[in-house]
């Protein structure tokens, strides 16, 4: 059975999250560069096909709490992400949130014609 356009678009959202998480995990982050890192992550992932928008929020308080030497390494525990993918008329909104200490990536909604 072939995948539906909605399933393909959800898969694209997963690809965006995989790229985002594994490309940027471990990046040095401090409270002085969180906004610029948020923009860099979003702009990087938005370059991918079908990606309409990415909103990254790094928690300054969590970064400060983790910083032993003025910085720490970026992890999923330090950020929340919302993204929107559009493909062949299907719109998928997905998010990454901390759940039980783990950064969960989930489809929030699928709008298919």
Protein backbone atom coordinates (compact mmCIF):
# COMPACT_ATOMS: atom_id res chain seq x y z
CA UNK A 1 0.00 0.00 0.00
CA UNK A 2 1.33 3.45 -0.89
CA UNK A 3 1.68 6.10 1.80
CA UNK A 4 -0.85 8.91 1.79
CA UNK A 5 0.20 12.54 1.34
CA UNK A 6 -0.60 13.10 5.03
CA UNK A 7 1.72 10.24 6.01
CA UNK A 8 4.46 11.55 3.71
CA UNK A 9 4.13 15.02 5.21
CA UNK A 10 4.30 13.63 8.76
CA UNK A 11 7.45 11.75 7.73
CA UNK A 12 8.91 15.05 6.44
CA UNK A 13 8.24 16.60 9.86
CA UNK A 14 10.13 13.72 11.45
CA UNK A 15 13.06 14.30 9.10
CA UNK A 16 13.17 17.96 10.16
CA UNK A 17 13.25 17.01 13.84
CA UNK A 18 15.94 14.39 13.28
CA UNK A 19 18.10 16.90 11.45
CA UNK A 20 17.51 19.61 14.04
CA UNK A 21 18.20 17.45 17.05
CA UNK A 22 21.21 15.55 15.81
CA UNK A 23 22.82 18.48 14.03
CA UNK A 24 22.64 20.86 16.99
CA UNK A 25 22.82 18.63 20.09
CA UNK A 26 26.15 19.32 21.75
CA UNK A 27 26.46 22.88 20.42
CA UNK A 28 28.00 25.17 23.05
CA UNK A 29 25.31 27.51 24.42
CA UNK A 30 25.33 30.27 27.02
CA UNK A 31 22.74 32.78 28.13
CA UNK A 32 24.51 35.31 25.88
CA UNK A 33 23.98 33.38 22.64
CA UNK A 34 20.61 31.64 23.06
CA UNK A 35 18.71 34.02 20.76
CA UNK A 36 21.29 33.82 17.97
CA UNK A 37 21.44 30.03 18.29
CA UNK A 38 17.63 29.84 18.13
CA UNK A 39 17.70 31.83 14.87
CA UNK A 40 20.54 29.76 13.41
CA UNK A 41 18.75 26.49 14.15
CA UNK A 42 15.45 27.73 12.71
CA UNK A 43 17.01 29.20 9.58
CA UNK A 44 19.03 26.04 8.97
CA UNK A 45 16.05 23.69 9.20
CA UNK A 46 13.80 26.04 7.19
CA UNK A 47 16.16 25.47 4.24
CA UNK A 48 14.87 21.91 3.90
CA UNK A 49 12.14 21.12 1.35
CA UNK A 50 8.53 21.54 2.50
CA UNK A 51 9.54 23.26 5.75
CA UNK A 52 7.46 26.40 6.15
CA UNK A 53 8.49 27.55 9.61
CA UNK A 54 10.47 26.59 12.68
CA UNK A 55 10.26 28.26 16.08
CA UNK A 56 13.01 27.36 18.56
CA UNK A 57 12.95 28.51 22.18
CA UNK A 58 15.98 27.83 24.36
CA UNK A 59 15.30 28.17 28.10
CA UNK A 60 17.75 30.76 29.47
CA UNK A 61 17.13 29.71 33.08
CA UNK A 62 17.85 26.07 32.28
CA UNK A 63 20.99 27.05 30.35
CA UNK A 64 22.20 29.13 33.30
CA UNK A 65 21.51 26.28 35.72
CA UNK A 66 23.50 23.83 33.56
CA UNK A 67 26.42 26.21 32.91
CA UNK A 68 29.49 25.30 34.93
CA UNK A 69 32.04 27.37 33.02
CA UNK A 70 29.86 30.04 31.43
CA UNK A 71 28.33 27.67 28.91
CA UNK A 72 26.85 24.22 28.51
CA UNK A 73 26.01 21.86 25.67
CA UNK A 74 22.63 22.18 23.97
CA UNK A 75 20.29 19.26 24.64
CA UNK A 76 16.64 18.62 24.02
CA UNK A 77 16.00 19.30 27.70
CA UNK A 78 16.95 22.94 27.15
CA UNK A 79 14.63 23.79 24.25
CA UNK A 80 11.14 23.63 22.83
CA UNK A 81 10.49 23.56 19.09
CA UNK A 82 7.42 24.07 16.90
CA UNK A 83 7.56 23.41 13.19
CA UNK A 84 5.22 23.56 10.23
CA UNK A 85 5.62 21.42 7.13
CA UNK A 86 3.52 21.77 3.96
CA UNK A 87 3.58 19.25 1.12
CA UNK A 88 1.07 18.65 -1.67
CA UNK A 89 -1.61 20.65 0.15
CA UNK A 90 -1.14 18.88 3.49
CA UNK A 91 -0.07 20.94 6.50
CA UNK A 92 1.52 19.26 9.50
CA UNK A 93 2.29 21.08 12.71
CA UNK A 94 4.63 19.28 15.09
CA UNK A 95 6.33 20.09 18.36
CA UNK A 96 9.09 19.01 20.69
CA UNK A 97 8.41 19.31 24.42
CA UNK A 98 10.00 17.87 27.52
CA UNK A 99 7.88 14.98 28.85
CA UNK A 100 9.07 13.03 31.88
CA UNK A 101 12.59 14.39 31.38
CA UNK A 102 12.74 13.36 27.71
CA UNK A 103 12.39 15.64 24.64
CA UNK A 104 9.33 14.16 22.87
CA UNK A 105 8.68 15.01 19.24
CA UNK A 106 5.03 14.72 18.28
CA UNK A 107 2.66 15.58 15.48
CA UNK A 108 0.24 18.20 16.80
CA UNK A 109 -2.11 18.41 13.84
CA UNK A 110 -2.56 17.29 10.25
CA UNK A 111 -4.66 19.37 7.88
CA UNK A 112 -5.27 17.45 4.68
CA UNK A 113 -7.67 18.48 1.91
